[in-house]
Amino acid sequence: MWQKLVGIALNRTHNIRNTTASVMSRTKRAKMKQAATLTAEQLQQVLKYCEQKRAPLRNQTILLLTHWAGLRIGEVTALRWSDVVAADGTIRTEIRLSSAQTKGSRGGIVLIPDRLRHALAVYALSVPRRQPNAPLFATQRSAGFTANTLTHIVNSLYRGAGIHGATSHSGRRSFITNLAERGVSARVLMSLCRHRNLSTTQRYIDIKPSMLRAAVELV
């Protein structure tokens, strides 16, 4: 009888170990797939690199929309002139995304910080005034970018600037992580990023040693 009980216990231990290993493996794979987050210095490094390439102001503005407003690259692609530039030529303080422009067929409001409004104003002055429904960012043929094309451009800028592991999703992750590092609550971040679940926002946050140090210093 005791041999049977031992066998059951061993099987349970084996199953637990397998389950634990499987969970750890999935967690490791998920972490490896996450886009790298950038420091302020690294972002400046990429912006500087843009000056060496074609359409520097356009590319810098695209990057800043992801880093300073947390926009997804697909949302940047979907932006229209009137979403950002008002009829009087001023830059709006917020962008109202329709359900067709954002993920999950769910519209939302994106708040634009002052320094990003300034960058958008500089960009708007650098290009010919466009029709309200024209793409905010256009190719040389005046057509809008596809999400895949813009992803390729942004990824190549990160690579060229020497930022390892950065992708078109790095701007949004950096936006969330940097605000979290400054003490912004997860619920506020969830609202800013237009997430439905708090757990989604929490997965975006890249825990840094400086955040851990700041936390223990509060004791």
N, C-alpha and C. Protein backbone atom coordinates (compact mmCIF):
# COMPACT_ATOMS: atom_id res chain seq x y z
N MET A 1 0.83 -1.21 0.00
CA MET A 1 0.00 0.00 0.00
C MET A 1 0.86 1.25 0.00
N TRP A 2 1.91 1.24 0.88
CA TRP A 2 2.77 2.41 0.97
C TRP A 2 3.53 2.66 -0.32
N GLN A 3 3.85 1.55 -1.05
CA GLN A 3 4.55 1.70 -2.33
C GLN A 3 3.65 2.42 -3.35
N LYS A 4 2.35 2.12 -3.30
CA LYS A 4 1.40 2.77 -4.20
C LYS A 4 1.29 4.26 -3.89
N LEU A 5 1.27 4.58 -2.58
CA LEU A 5 1.17 5.99 -2.16
C LEU A 5 2.42 6.76 -2.57
N VAL A 6 3.58 6.13 -2.41
CA VAL A 6 4.83 6.77 -2.81
C VAL A 6 4.82 7.04 -4.32
N GLY A 7 4.32 6.05 -5.06
CA GLY A 7 4.26 6.20 -6.51
C GLY A 7 3.37 7.36 -6.92
N ILE A 8 2.22 7.49 -6.25
CA ILE A 8 1.30 8.60 -6.53
C ILE A 8 1.96 9.94 -6.22
N ALA A 9 2.65 9.98 -5.07
CA ALA A 9 3.33 11.22 -4.66
C ALA A 9 4.41 11.61 -5.66
N LEU A 10 5.17 10.60 -6.13
CA LEU A 10 6.22 10.88 -7.10
C LEU A 10 5.65 11.39 -8.41
N ASN A 11 4.53 10.80 -8.83
CA ASN A 11 3.89 11.25 -10.06
C ASN A 11 3.41 12.69 -9.94
N ARG A 12 2.84 13.00 -8.77
CA ARG A 12 2.36 14.37 -8.54
C ARG A 12 3.52 15.36 -8.56
N THR A 13 4.63 14.97 -7.93
CA THR A 13 5.81 15.84 -7.91
C THR A 13 6.33 16.07 -9.32
N HIS A 14 6.34 14.97 -10.09
CA HIS A 14 6.81 15.05 -11.47
C HIS A 14 5.92 15.99 -12.29
N ASN A 15 4.59 15.89 -12.08
CA ASN A 15 3.66 16.73 -12.82
C ASN A 15 3.81 18.20 -12.44
N ILE A 16 4.02 18.43 -11.14
CA ILE A 16 4.21 19.81 -10.67
C ILE A 16 5.45 20.42 -11.28
N ARG A 17 6.54 19.60 -11.30
CA ARG A 17 7.78 20.09 -11.89
C ARG A 17 7.61 20.41 -13.36
N ASN A 18 6.91 19.53 -14.07
CA ASN A 18 6.69 19.75 -15.49
C ASN A 18 5.86 21.01 -15.73
N THR A 19 4.83 21.18 -14.89
CA THR A 19 3.98 22.37 -15.02
C THR A 19 4.76 23.63 -14.73
N THR A 20 5.56 23.60 -13.66
CA THR A 20 6.38 24.76 -13.29
C THR A 20 7.36 25.11 -14.40
N ALA A 21 8.01 24.08 -14.94
CA ALA A 21 8.98 24.30 -16.01
C ALA A 21 8.30 24.89 -17.24
N SER A 22 7.08 24.39 -17.52
CA SER A 22 6.34 24.88 -18.68
C SER A 22 5.97 26.34 -18.51
N VAL A 23 5.51 26.70 -17.30
CA VAL A 23 5.14 28.09 -17.02
C VAL A 23 6.36 28.99 -17.13
N MET A 24 7.49 28.54 -16.55
CA MET A 24 8.72 29.34 -16.60
C MET A 24 9.21 29.51 -18.03
N SER A 25 9.05 28.44 -18.82
CA SER A 25 9.48 28.50 -20.21
C SER A 25 8.64 29.50 -20.99
N ARG A 26 7.31 29.48 -20.76
CA ARG A 26 6.43 30.43 -21.45
C ARG A 26 6.73 31.86 -21.03
N THR A 27 6.98 32.04 -19.73
CA THR A 27 7.31 33.37 -19.21
C THR A 27 8.60 33.89 -19.83
N LYS A 28 9.60 33.01 -19.93
CA LYS A 28 10.88 33.39 -20.51
C LYS A 28 10.72 33.75 -21.97
N ARG A 29 9.92 32.95 -22.71
CA ARG A 29 9.71 33.24 -24.12
C ARG A 29 8.98 34.57 -24.31
N ALA A 30 7.98 34.81 -23.44
CA ALA A 30 7.22 36.06 -23.53
C ALA A 30 8.12 37.25 -23.26
N LYS A 31 9.00 37.11 -22.27
CA LYS A 31 9.91 38.20 -21.94
C LYS A 31 10.88 38.46 -23.08
N MET A 32 11.36 37.39 -23.71
CA MET A 32 12.30 37.53 -24.81
C MET A 32 11.66 38.24 -26.00
N LYS A 33 10.35 38.06 -26.18
CA LYS A 33 9.66 38.64 -27.32
C LYS A 33 9.32 40.11 -27.11
N GLN A 34 9.35 40.58 -25.87
CA GLN A 34 8.98 41.96 -25.60
C GLN A 34 10.00 42.93 -26.18
N ALA A 35 9.48 44.01 -26.73
CA ALA A 35 10.36 45.03 -27.29
C ALA A 35 11.13 45.73 -26.17
N ALA A 36 12.36 46.11 -26.47
CA ALA A 36 13.18 46.81 -25.49
C ALA A 36 12.61 48.19 -25.20
N THR A 37 12.77 48.66 -23.97
CA THR A 37 12.40 50.03 -23.62
C THR A 37 13.64 50.91 -23.72
N LEU A 38 13.42 52.19 -24.00
CA LEU A 38 14.52 53.12 -24.21
C LEU A 38 14.59 54.14 -23.08
N THR A 39 15.79 54.52 -22.71
CA THR A 39 15.99 55.64 -21.81
C THR A 39 15.87 56.93 -22.62
N ALA A 40 15.82 58.06 -21.92
CA ALA A 40 15.76 59.35 -22.61
C ALA A 40 17.00 59.55 -23.47
N GLU A 41 18.14 59.09 -22.97
CA GLU A 41 19.39 59.23 -23.72
C GLU A 41 19.37 58.39 -24.99
N GLN A 42 18.83 57.18 -24.90
CA GLN A 42 18.75 56.32 -26.09
C GLN A 42 17.78 56.88 -27.13
N LEU A 43 16.68 57.46 -26.65
CA LEU A 43 15.75 58.08 -27.59
C LEU A 43 16.43 59.23 -28.33
N GLN A 44 17.19 60.05 -27.63
CA GLN A 44 17.92 61.14 -28.28
C GLN A 44 18.92 60.59 -29.29
N GLN A 45 19.49 59.44 -28.97
CA GLN A 45 20.44 58.79 -29.88
C GLN A 45 19.75 58.42 -31.20
N VAL A 46 18.54 57.89 -31.10
CA VAL A 46 17.79 57.51 -32.30
C VAL A 46 17.36 58.75 -33.09
N LEU A 47 16.90 59.77 -32.37
CA LEU A 47 16.48 61.01 -33.03
C LEU A 47 17.65 61.65 -33.77
N LYS A 48 18.82 61.58 -33.17
CA LYS A 48 20.02 62.11 -33.81
C LYS A 48 20.36 61.31 -35.07
N TYR A 49 20.19 60.01 -34.98
CA TYR A 49 20.46 59.15 -36.14
C TYR A 49 19.51 59.48 -37.30
N CYS A 50 18.29 59.84 -36.97
CA CYS A 50 17.31 60.18 -38.02
C CYS A 50 17.81 61.31 -38.91
N GLU A 51 18.62 62.19 -38.36
CA GLU A 51 19.12 63.34 -39.12
C GLU A 51 20.03 62.91 -40.27
N GLN A 52 20.53 61.68 -40.19
CA GLN A 52 21.41 61.17 -41.24
C GLN A 52 20.64 60.50 -42.38
N LYS A 53 19.34 60.31 -42.18
CA LYS A 53 18.53 59.56 -43.14
C LYS A 53 17.56 60.47 -43.87
N ARG A 54 16.87 59.90 -44.84
CA ARG A 54 15.87 60.64 -45.59
C ARG A 54 14.67 60.96 -44.69
N ALA A 55 14.04 62.10 -44.93
CA ALA A 55 12.85 62.55 -44.19
C ALA A 55 13.08 62.54 -42.67
N PRO A 56 14.09 63.22 -42.18
CA PRO A 56 14.41 63.18 -40.75
C PRO A 56 13.30 63.70 -39.85
N LEU A 57 12.70 64.83 -40.22
CA LEU A 57 11.67 65.42 -39.37
C LEU A 57 10.43 64.54 -39.30
N ARG A 58 10.06 63.97 -40.43
CA ARG A 58 8.92 63.05 -40.44
C ARG A 58 9.18 61.86 -39.53
N ASN A 59 10.34 61.23 -39.66
CA ASN A 59 10.65 60.05 -38.87
C ASN A 59 10.79 60.37 -37.38
N GLN A 60 11.36 61.52 -37.07
CA GLN A 60 11.47 61.92 -35.67
C GLN A 60 10.09 62.11 -35.05
N THR A 61 9.19 62.72 -35.80
CA THR A 61 7.83 62.97 -35.28
C THR A 61 7.08 61.66 -35.08
N ILE A 62 7.26 60.72 -35.98
CA ILE A 62 6.64 59.40 -35.84
C ILE A 62 7.12 58.72 -34.57
N LEU A 63 8.42 58.75 -34.34
CA LEU A 63 8.98 58.14 -33.13
C LEU A 63 8.44 58.82 -31.87
N LEU A 64 8.36 60.14 -31.89
CA LEU A 64 7.91 60.87 -30.70
C LEU A 64 6.44 60.59 -30.39
N LEU A 65 5.64 60.36 -31.39
CA LEU A 65 4.23 60.01 -31.14
C LEU A 65 4.12 58.69 -30.39
N THR A 66 5.03 57.77 -30.65
CA THR A 66 4.99 56.49 -29.93
C THR A 66 5.59 56.62 -28.54
N HIS A 67 6.65 57.43 -28.39
CA HIS A 67 7.34 57.56 -27.11
C HIS A 67 6.68 58.54 -26.15
N TRP A 68 6.11 59.62 -26.68
CA TRP A 68 5.58 60.66 -25.81
C TRP A 68 4.06 60.66 -25.70
N ALA A 69 3.39 59.89 -26.56
CA ALA A 69 1.94 59.78 -26.48
C ALA A 69 1.48 58.33 -26.35
N GLY A 70 2.42 57.39 -26.53
CA GLY A 70 2.08 55.98 -26.38
C GLY A 70 1.26 55.41 -27.51
N LEU A 71 1.31 56.03 -28.68
CA LEU A 71 0.53 55.52 -29.81
C LEU A 71 1.14 54.23 -30.36
N ARG A 72 0.28 53.33 -30.77
CA ARG A 72 0.72 52.14 -31.50
C ARG A 72 1.12 52.57 -32.92
N ILE A 73 2.00 51.80 -33.53
CA ILE A 73 2.47 52.17 -34.87
C ILE A 73 1.31 52.14 -35.88
N GLY A 74 0.38 51.24 -35.70
CA GLY A 74 -0.79 51.20 -36.58
C GLY A 74 -1.66 52.44 -36.43
N GLU A 75 -1.71 52.98 -35.22
CA GLU A 75 -2.48 54.21 -34.98
C GLU A 75 -1.79 55.42 -35.60
N VAL A 76 -0.46 55.43 -35.55
CA VAL A 76 0.29 56.50 -36.21
C VAL A 76 0.01 56.47 -37.71
N THR A 77 0.00 55.28 -38.28
CA THR A 77 -0.29 55.12 -39.70
C THR A 77 -1.68 55.66 -40.05
N ALA A 78 -2.63 55.46 -39.16
CA ALA A 78 -4.02 55.83 -39.44
C ALA A 78 -4.34 57.31 -39.19
N LEU A 79 -3.39 58.06 -38.64
CA LEU A 79 -3.65 59.47 -38.34
C LEU A 79 -3.91 60.28 -39.60
N ARG A 80 -4.92 61.15 -39.52
CA ARG A 80 -5.22 62.08 -40.59
C ARG A 80 -4.82 63.49 -40.16
N TRP A 81 -4.65 64.35 -41.16
CA TRP A 81 -4.21 65.71 -40.88
C TRP A 81 -5.10 66.39 -39.84
N SER A 82 -6.42 66.26 -40.01
CA SER A 82 -7.36 66.93 -39.11
C SER A 82 -7.40 66.32 -37.71
N ASP A 83 -6.85 65.11 -37.56
CA ASP A 83 -6.78 64.52 -36.22
C ASP A 83 -5.82 65.29 -35.33
N VAL A 84 -4.83 65.91 -35.96
CA VAL A 84 -3.75 66.57 -35.22
C VAL A 84 -3.77 68.09 -35.40
N VAL A 85 -4.06 68.55 -36.62
CA VAL A 85 -4.03 69.98 -36.93
C VAL A 85 -5.46 70.51 -37.04
N ALA A 86 -5.79 71.51 -36.22
CA ALA A 86 -7.12 72.10 -36.24
C ALA A 86 -7.29 72.97 -37.48
N ALA A 87 -8.53 73.42 -37.73
CA ALA A 87 -8.83 74.22 -38.92
C ALA A 87 -8.04 75.52 -38.95
N ASP A 88 -7.72 76.07 -37.78
CA ASP A 88 -6.96 77.33 -37.73
C ASP A 88 -5.45 77.12 -37.78
N GLY A 89 -5.02 75.87 -37.97
CA GLY A 89 -3.60 75.56 -38.10
C GLY A 89 -2.89 75.25 -36.81
N THR A 90 -3.57 75.34 -35.69
CA THR A 90 -2.95 75.02 -34.41
C THR A 90 -2.97 73.51 -34.16
N ILE A 91 -2.08 73.07 -33.29
CA ILE A 91 -2.01 71.64 -32.97
C ILE A 91 -2.98 71.34 -31.82
N ARG A 92 -3.75 70.31 -32.00
CA ARG A 92 -4.73 69.95 -30.98
C ARG A 92 -4.06 69.47 -29.69
N THR A 93 -4.76 69.56 -28.59
CA THR A 93 -4.24 69.10 -27.30
C THR A 93 -4.55 67.63 -27.08
N GLU A 94 -5.42 67.08 -27.90
CA GLU A 94 -5.74 65.65 -27.81
C GLU A 94 -6.13 65.12 -29.18
N ILE A 95 -5.90 63.84 -29.36
CA ILE A 95 -6.26 63.17 -30.60
C ILE A 95 -7.42 62.22 -30.31
N ARG A 96 -8.48 62.36 -31.07
CA ARG A 96 -9.64 61.48 -30.90
C ARG A 96 -9.60 60.40 -31.98
N LEU A 97 -9.24 59.21 -31.56
CA LEU A 97 -9.14 58.08 -32.50
C LEU A 97 -10.50 57.42 -32.66
N SER A 98 -10.86 57.16 -33.90
CA SER A 98 -12.10 56.42 -34.16
C SER A 98 -11.85 54.93 -33.97
N SER A 99 -12.90 54.16 -33.95
CA SER A 99 -12.75 52.71 -33.78
C SER A 99 -12.01 52.09 -34.96
N ALA A 100 -12.08 52.75 -36.13
CA ALA A 100 -11.39 52.23 -37.31
C ALA A 100 -9.90 52.51 -37.27
N GLN A 101 -9.47 53.42 -36.41
CA GLN A 101 -8.06 53.82 -36.37
C GLN A 101 -7.25 53.11 -35.30
N THR A 102 -7.91 52.41 -34.43
CA THR A 102 -7.20 51.84 -33.29
C THR A 102 -7.45 50.35 -33.14
N LYS A 103 -6.76 49.74 -32.21
CA LYS A 103 -6.83 48.30 -32.01
C LYS A 103 -8.13 47.90 -31.33
N GLY A 104 -8.68 46.76 -31.74
CA GLY A 104 -9.86 46.23 -31.08
C GLY A 104 -11.15 46.93 -31.42
N SER A 105 -11.16 47.71 -32.51
CA SER A 105 -12.38 48.42 -32.93
C SER A 105 -12.99 49.22 -31.79
N ARG A 106 -12.12 49.91 -31.08
CA ARG A 106 -12.55 50.68 -29.91
C ARG A 106 -11.81 52.01 -29.92
N GLY A 107 -12.55 53.09 -30.18
CA GLY A 107 -11.92 54.40 -30.25
C GLY A 107 -11.44 54.88 -28.89
N GLY A 108 -10.79 56.03 -28.88
CA GLY A 108 -10.30 56.57 -27.62
C GLY A 108 -9.66 57.93 -27.82
N ILE A 109 -9.31 58.55 -26.69
CA ILE A 109 -8.69 59.88 -26.70
C ILE A 109 -7.24 59.76 -26.27
N VAL A 110 -6.36 60.37 -27.03
CA VAL A 110 -4.93 60.38 -26.73
C VAL A 110 -4.53 61.81 -26.37
N LEU A 111 -4.01 62.01 -25.18
CA LEU A 111 -3.60 63.34 -24.74
C LEU A 111 -2.20 63.66 -25.28
N ILE A 112 -2.03 64.89 -25.76
CA ILE A 112 -0.77 65.31 -26.36
C ILE A 112 -0.04 66.26 -25.42
N PRO A 113 1.12 65.88 -24.89
CA PRO A 113 1.88 66.78 -24.02
C PRO A 113 2.44 67.97 -24.80
N ASP A 114 2.76 69.03 -24.10
CA ASP A 114 3.19 70.27 -24.75
C ASP A 114 4.41 70.08 -25.64
N ARG A 115 5.40 69.32 -25.17
CA ARG A 115 6.61 69.18 -25.98
C ARG A 115 6.34 68.41 -27.27
N LEU A 116 5.36 67.50 -27.24
CA LEU A 116 4.98 66.80 -28.47
C LEU A 116 4.19 67.72 -29.38
N ARG A 117 3.36 68.58 -28.82
CA ARG A 117 2.62 69.56 -29.63
C ARG A 117 3.61 70.47 -30.37
N HIS A 118 4.67 70.83 -29.69
CA HIS A 118 5.69 71.66 -30.34
C HIS A 118 6.34 70.91 -31.50
N ALA A 119 6.69 69.64 -31.28
CA ALA A 119 7.30 68.84 -32.34
C ALA A 119 6.35 68.67 -33.52
N LEU A 120 5.06 68.48 -33.24
CA LEU A 120 4.06 68.34 -34.30
C LEU A 120 3.90 69.64 -35.07
N ALA A 121 3.98 70.77 -34.37
CA ALA A 121 3.87 72.07 -35.03
C ALA A 121 5.03 72.29 -35.99
N VAL A 122 6.22 71.92 -35.56
CA VAL A 122 7.40 72.06 -36.43
C VAL A 122 7.24 71.18 -37.67
N TYR A 123 6.76 69.95 -37.46
CA TYR A 123 6.56 69.05 -38.60
C TYR A 123 5.50 69.60 -39.54
N ALA A 124 4.38 70.09 -38.99
CA ALA A 124 3.28 70.59 -39.82
C ALA A 124 3.73 71.76 -40.69
N LEU A 125 4.61 72.59 -40.16
CA LEU A 125 5.12 73.74 -40.93
C LEU A 125 6.10 73.31 -42.03
N SER A 126 6.64 72.11 -41.89
CA SER A 126 7.66 71.65 -42.85
C SER A 126 7.07 70.99 -44.09
N VAL A 127 5.77 70.72 -44.07
CA VAL A 127 5.14 70.06 -45.21
C VAL A 127 4.01 70.94 -45.75
N PRO A 128 3.65 70.78 -47.03
CA PRO A 128 2.54 71.56 -47.58
C PRO A 128 1.25 71.24 -46.83
N ARG A 129 0.43 72.26 -46.63
CA ARG A 129 -0.84 72.06 -45.95
C ARG A 129 -1.69 71.05 -46.71
N ARG A 130 -2.28 70.13 -46.00
CA ARG A 130 -3.00 69.04 -46.64
C ARG A 130 -4.51 69.12 -46.37
N GLN A 131 -5.23 68.34 -47.16
CA GLN A 131 -6.66 68.24 -46.94
C GLN A 131 -6.92 67.57 -45.58
N PRO A 132 -8.03 67.92 -44.91
CA PRO A 132 -8.30 67.38 -43.56
C PRO A 132 -8.22 65.86 -43.47
N ASN A 133 -8.66 65.17 -44.52
CA ASN A 133 -8.68 63.72 -44.47
C ASN A 133 -7.42 63.07 -45.04
N ALA A 134 -6.44 63.87 -45.40
CA ALA A 134 -5.19 63.33 -45.94
C ALA A 134 -4.35 62.72 -44.82
N PRO A 135 -3.51 61.73 -45.13
CA PRO A 135 -2.65 61.13 -44.09
C PRO A 135 -1.72 62.18 -43.48
N LEU A 136 -1.52 62.09 -42.17
CA LEU A 136 -0.59 63.00 -41.51
C LEU A 136 0.83 62.75 -42.00
N PHE A 137 1.16 61.48 -42.20
CA PHE A 137 2.48 61.10 -42.70
C PHE A 137 2.31 60.41 -44.05
N ALA A 138 2.94 60.98 -45.05
CA ALA A 138 2.75 60.45 -46.41
C ALA A 138 4.08 60.08 -47.04
N THR A 139 4.02 59.20 -47.99
CA THR A 139 5.18 58.81 -48.77
C THR A 139 5.50 59.91 -49.78
N GLN A 140 6.54 59.73 -50.56
CA GLN A 140 6.90 60.72 -51.59
C GLN A 140 5.80 60.87 -52.64
N ARG A 141 4.97 59.85 -52.77
CA ARG A 141 3.86 59.90 -53.73
C ARG A 141 2.59 60.44 -53.08
N SER A 142 2.72 60.95 -51.86
CA SER A 142 1.60 61.54 -51.11
C SER A 142 0.58 60.52 -50.64
N ALA A 143 0.91 59.25 -50.72
CA ALA A 143 0.02 58.22 -50.21
C ALA A 143 0.37 57.92 -48.75
N GLY A 144 -0.58 57.38 -48.03
CA GLY A 144 -0.31 57.02 -46.65
C GLY A 144 0.51 55.75 -46.55
N PHE A 145 1.21 55.60 -45.43
CA PHE A 145 1.98 54.39 -45.20
C PHE A 145 1.06 53.25 -44.76
N THR A 146 1.47 52.03 -45.01
CA THR A 146 0.84 50.88 -44.39
C THR A 146 1.53 50.66 -43.04
N ALA A 147 0.87 49.94 -42.15
CA ALA A 147 1.47 49.66 -40.85
C ALA A 147 2.75 48.85 -41.01
N ASN A 148 2.77 47.93 -41.96
CA ASN A 148 3.97 47.10 -42.18
C ASN A 148 5.15 47.94 -42.66
N THR A 149 4.88 48.88 -43.57
CA THR A 149 5.95 49.72 -44.09
C THR A 149 6.52 50.61 -42.99
N LEU A 150 5.64 51.20 -42.20
CA LEU A 150 6.10 52.09 -41.13
C LEU A 150 6.83 51.30 -40.05
N THR A 151 6.39 50.09 -39.79
CA THR A 151 7.09 49.22 -38.84
C THR A 151 8.51 48.96 -39.32
N HIS A 152 8.66 48.67 -40.60
CA HIS A 152 9.99 48.42 -41.18
C HIS A 152 10.88 49.65 -41.04
N ILE A 153 10.33 50.82 -41.31
CA ILE A 153 11.11 52.06 -41.21
C ILE A 153 11.58 52.29 -39.79
N VAL A 154 10.67 52.16 -38.83
CA VAL A 154 11.01 52.41 -37.42
C VAL A 154 12.03 51.39 -36.92
N ASN A 155 11.81 50.13 -37.26
CA ASN A 155 12.76 49.09 -36.83
C ASN A 155 14.17 49.34 -37.39
N SER A 156 14.23 49.79 -38.64
CA SER A 156 15.53 50.05 -39.25
C SER A 156 16.22 51.26 -38.60
N LEU A 157 15.44 52.22 -38.14
CA LEU A 157 16.01 53.38 -37.44
C LEU A 157 16.64 52.96 -36.11
N TYR A 158 15.94 52.09 -35.40
CA TYR A 158 16.49 51.60 -34.13
C TYR A 158 17.78 50.80 -34.37
N ARG A 159 17.74 49.95 -35.38
CA ARG A 159 18.94 49.15 -35.69
C ARG A 159 20.10 50.05 -36.07
N GLY A 160 19.83 51.01 -36.94
CA GLY A 160 20.88 51.91 -37.40
C GLY A 160 21.48 52.73 -36.26
N ALA A 161 20.65 53.04 -35.27
CA ALA A 161 21.11 53.82 -34.12
C ALA A 161 21.80 52.96 -33.08
N GLY A 162 21.78 51.64 -33.30
CA GLY A 162 22.47 50.73 -32.38
C GLY A 162 21.69 50.40 -31.12
N ILE A 163 20.36 50.49 -31.17
CA ILE A 163 19.53 50.16 -30.01
C ILE A 163 19.09 48.71 -30.13
N HIS A 164 19.73 47.84 -29.37
CA HIS A 164 19.48 46.40 -29.47
C HIS A 164 18.11 46.03 -28.90
N GLY A 165 17.38 45.21 -29.64
CA GLY A 165 16.10 44.68 -29.17
C GLY A 165 14.93 45.63 -29.30
N ALA A 166 15.16 46.82 -29.86
CA ALA A 166 14.07 47.79 -30.01
C ALA A 166 13.27 47.50 -31.29
N THR A 167 11.96 47.65 -31.20
CA THR A 167 11.08 47.47 -32.34
C THR A 167 10.07 48.61 -32.37
N SER A 168 9.16 48.54 -33.33
CA SER A 168 8.14 49.58 -33.45
C SER A 168 7.25 49.66 -32.22
N HIS A 169 7.29 48.64 -31.38
CA HIS A 169 6.48 48.64 -30.15
C HIS A 169 7.24 49.23 -28.96
N SER A 170 8.51 49.53 -29.15
CA SER A 170 9.33 50.04 -28.05
C SER A 170 8.86 51.40 -27.55
N GLY A 171 8.35 52.23 -28.45
CA GLY A 171 7.89 53.54 -28.02
C GLY A 171 6.76 53.45 -27.02
N ARG A 172 5.78 52.62 -27.30
CA ARG A 172 4.63 52.47 -26.40
C ARG A 172 5.06 51.85 -25.06
N ARG A 173 5.94 50.85 -25.11
CA ARG A 173 6.44 50.24 -23.87
C ARG A 173 7.26 51.24 -23.06
N SER A 174 8.06 52.05 -23.74
CA SER A 174 8.87 53.05 -23.05
C SER A 174 7.99 54.12 -22.42
N PHE A 175 6.94 54.52 -23.13
CA PHE A 175 5.98 55.50 -22.62
C PHE A 175 5.40 55.04 -21.29
N ILE A 176 4.96 53.79 -21.25
CA ILE A 176 4.34 53.25 -20.04
C ILE A 176 5.37 53.07 -18.93
N THR A 177 6.51 52.49 -19.27
CA THR A 177 7.55 52.21 -18.27
C THR A 177 8.11 53.49 -17.65
N ASN A 178 8.38 54.48 -18.48
CA ASN A 178 8.96 55.71 -17.96
C ASN A 178 7.99 56.45 -17.04
N LEU A 179 6.70 56.42 -17.35
CA LEU A 179 5.73 57.04 -16.47
C LEU A 179 5.59 56.25 -15.17
N ALA A 180 5.63 54.93 -15.27
CA ALA A 180 5.57 54.09 -14.06
C ALA A 180 6.77 54.37 -13.16
N GLU A 181 7.93 54.56 -13.78
CA GLU A 181 9.15 54.84 -13.03
C GLU A 181 9.05 56.17 -12.28
N ARG A 182 8.24 57.08 -12.79
CA ARG A 182 8.06 58.38 -12.15
C ARG A 182 6.92 58.38 -11.13
N GLY A 183 6.33 57.20 -10.92
CA GLY A 183 5.33 57.07 -9.87
C GLY A 183 3.89 57.16 -10.32
N VAL A 184 3.64 57.22 -11.62
CA VAL A 184 2.26 57.26 -12.11
C VAL A 184 1.60 55.90 -11.86
N SER A 185 0.41 55.91 -11.30
CA SER A 185 -0.24 54.66 -10.92
C SER A 185 -0.63 53.84 -12.14
N ALA A 186 -0.74 52.54 -11.93
CA ALA A 186 -1.08 51.63 -13.03
C ALA A 186 -2.47 51.93 -13.59
N ARG A 187 -3.40 52.37 -12.76
CA ARG A 187 -4.75 52.67 -13.24
C ARG A 187 -4.76 53.91 -14.14
N VAL A 188 -3.95 54.90 -13.79
CA VAL A 188 -3.83 56.07 -14.66
C VAL A 188 -3.20 55.67 -15.99
N LEU A 189 -2.17 54.83 -15.91
CA LEU A 189 -1.52 54.35 -17.13
C LEU A 189 -2.49 53.55 -18.00
N MET A 190 -3.33 52.76 -17.36
CA MET A 190 -4.31 51.97 -18.10
C MET A 190 -5.24 52.88 -18.89
N SER A 191 -5.63 54.00 -18.28
CA SER A 191 -6.51 54.95 -18.95
C SER A 191 -5.77 55.66 -20.10
N LEU A 192 -4.53 56.06 -19.85
CA LEU A 192 -3.75 56.74 -20.88
C LEU A 192 -3.51 55.84 -22.09
N CYS A 193 -3.31 54.56 -21.83
CA CYS A 193 -3.01 53.62 -22.92
C CYS A 193 -4.25 52.98 -23.52
N ARG A 194 -5.40 53.29 -22.93
CA ARG A 194 -6.68 52.80 -23.43
C ARG A 194 -6.78 51.28 -23.39
N HIS A 195 -6.22 50.71 -22.33
CA HIS A 195 -6.33 49.27 -22.12
C HIS A 195 -7.64 48.95 -21.40
N ARG A 196 -8.18 47.80 -21.68
CA ARG A 196 -9.41 47.37 -21.00
C ARG A 196 -9.10 46.72 -19.65
N ASN A 197 -7.93 46.08 -19.56
CA ASN A 197 -7.58 45.35 -18.35
C ASN A 197 -6.29 45.88 -17.75
N LEU A 198 -6.27 45.97 -16.42
CA LEU A 198 -5.08 46.44 -15.72
C LEU A 198 -3.91 45.51 -15.95
N SER A 199 -4.19 44.21 -16.05
CA SER A 199 -3.11 43.24 -16.25
C SER A 199 -2.37 43.47 -17.55
N THR A 200 -3.07 43.96 -18.57
CA THR A 200 -2.41 44.26 -19.85
C THR A 200 -1.40 45.38 -19.67
N THR A 201 -1.79 46.42 -18.95
CA THR A 201 -0.89 47.55 -18.70
C THR A 201 0.32 47.10 -17.90
N GLN A 202 0.09 46.27 -16.90
CA GLN A 202 1.18 45.82 -16.04
C GLN A 202 2.22 45.01 -16.82
N ARG A 203 1.79 44.28 -17.84
CA ARG A 203 2.73 43.50 -18.64
C ARG A 203 3.64 44.40 -19.47
N TYR A 204 3.20 45.61 -19.73
CA TYR A 204 4.00 46.54 -20.52
C TYR A 204 5.15 47.13 -19.71
N ILE A 205 5.02 47.16 -18.39
CA ILE A 205 5.99 47.85 -17.56
C ILE A 205 7.26 47.02 -17.43
N ASP A 206 8.37 47.63 -17.79
CA ASP A 206 9.68 46.99 -17.69
C ASP A 206 10.30 47.39 -16.34
N ILE A 207 10.32 46.47 -15.40
CA ILE A 207 10.84 46.78 -14.07
C ILE A 207 12.35 46.97 -14.12
N LYS A 208 12.80 48.16 -13.72
CA LYS A 208 14.22 48.50 -13.76
C LYS A 208 14.80 48.53 -12.35
N PRO A 209 16.10 48.31 -12.21
CA PRO A 209 16.73 48.38 -10.88
C PRO A 209 16.48 49.70 -10.17
N SER A 210 16.44 50.78 -10.93
CA SER A 210 16.21 52.10 -10.31
C SER A 210 14.82 52.18 -9.68
N MET A 211 13.84 51.47 -10.28
CA MET A 211 12.50 51.45 -9.73
C MET A 211 12.46 50.67 -8.42
N LEU A 212 13.20 49.57 -8.37
CA LEU A 212 13.28 48.77 -7.14
C LEU A 212 13.96 49.56 -6.03
N ARG A 213 15.04 50.26 -6.38
CA ARG A 213 15.76 51.06 -5.39
C ARG A 213 14.88 52.17 -4.85
N ALA A 214 14.15 52.85 -5.75
CA ALA A 214 13.27 53.94 -5.32
C ALA A 214 12.17 53.41 -4.41
N ALA A 215 11.70 52.18 -4.68
CA ALA A 215 10.64 51.59 -3.87
C ALA A 215 11.11 51.32 -2.44
N VAL A 216 12.28 50.71 -2.28
CA VAL A 216 12.74 50.38 -0.92
C VAL A 216 13.12 51.63 -0.13
N GLU A 217 13.49 52.69 -0.84
CA GLU A 217 13.84 53.94 -0.15
C GLU A 217 12.61 54.62 0.45
N LEU A 218 11.43 54.17 0.06
CA LEU A 218 10.20 54.71 0.62
C LEU A 218 9.89 54.14 2.00
N VAL A 219 10.57 53.06 2.38
CA VAL A 219 10.31 52.40 3.67
C VAL A 219 10.75 53.31 4.80
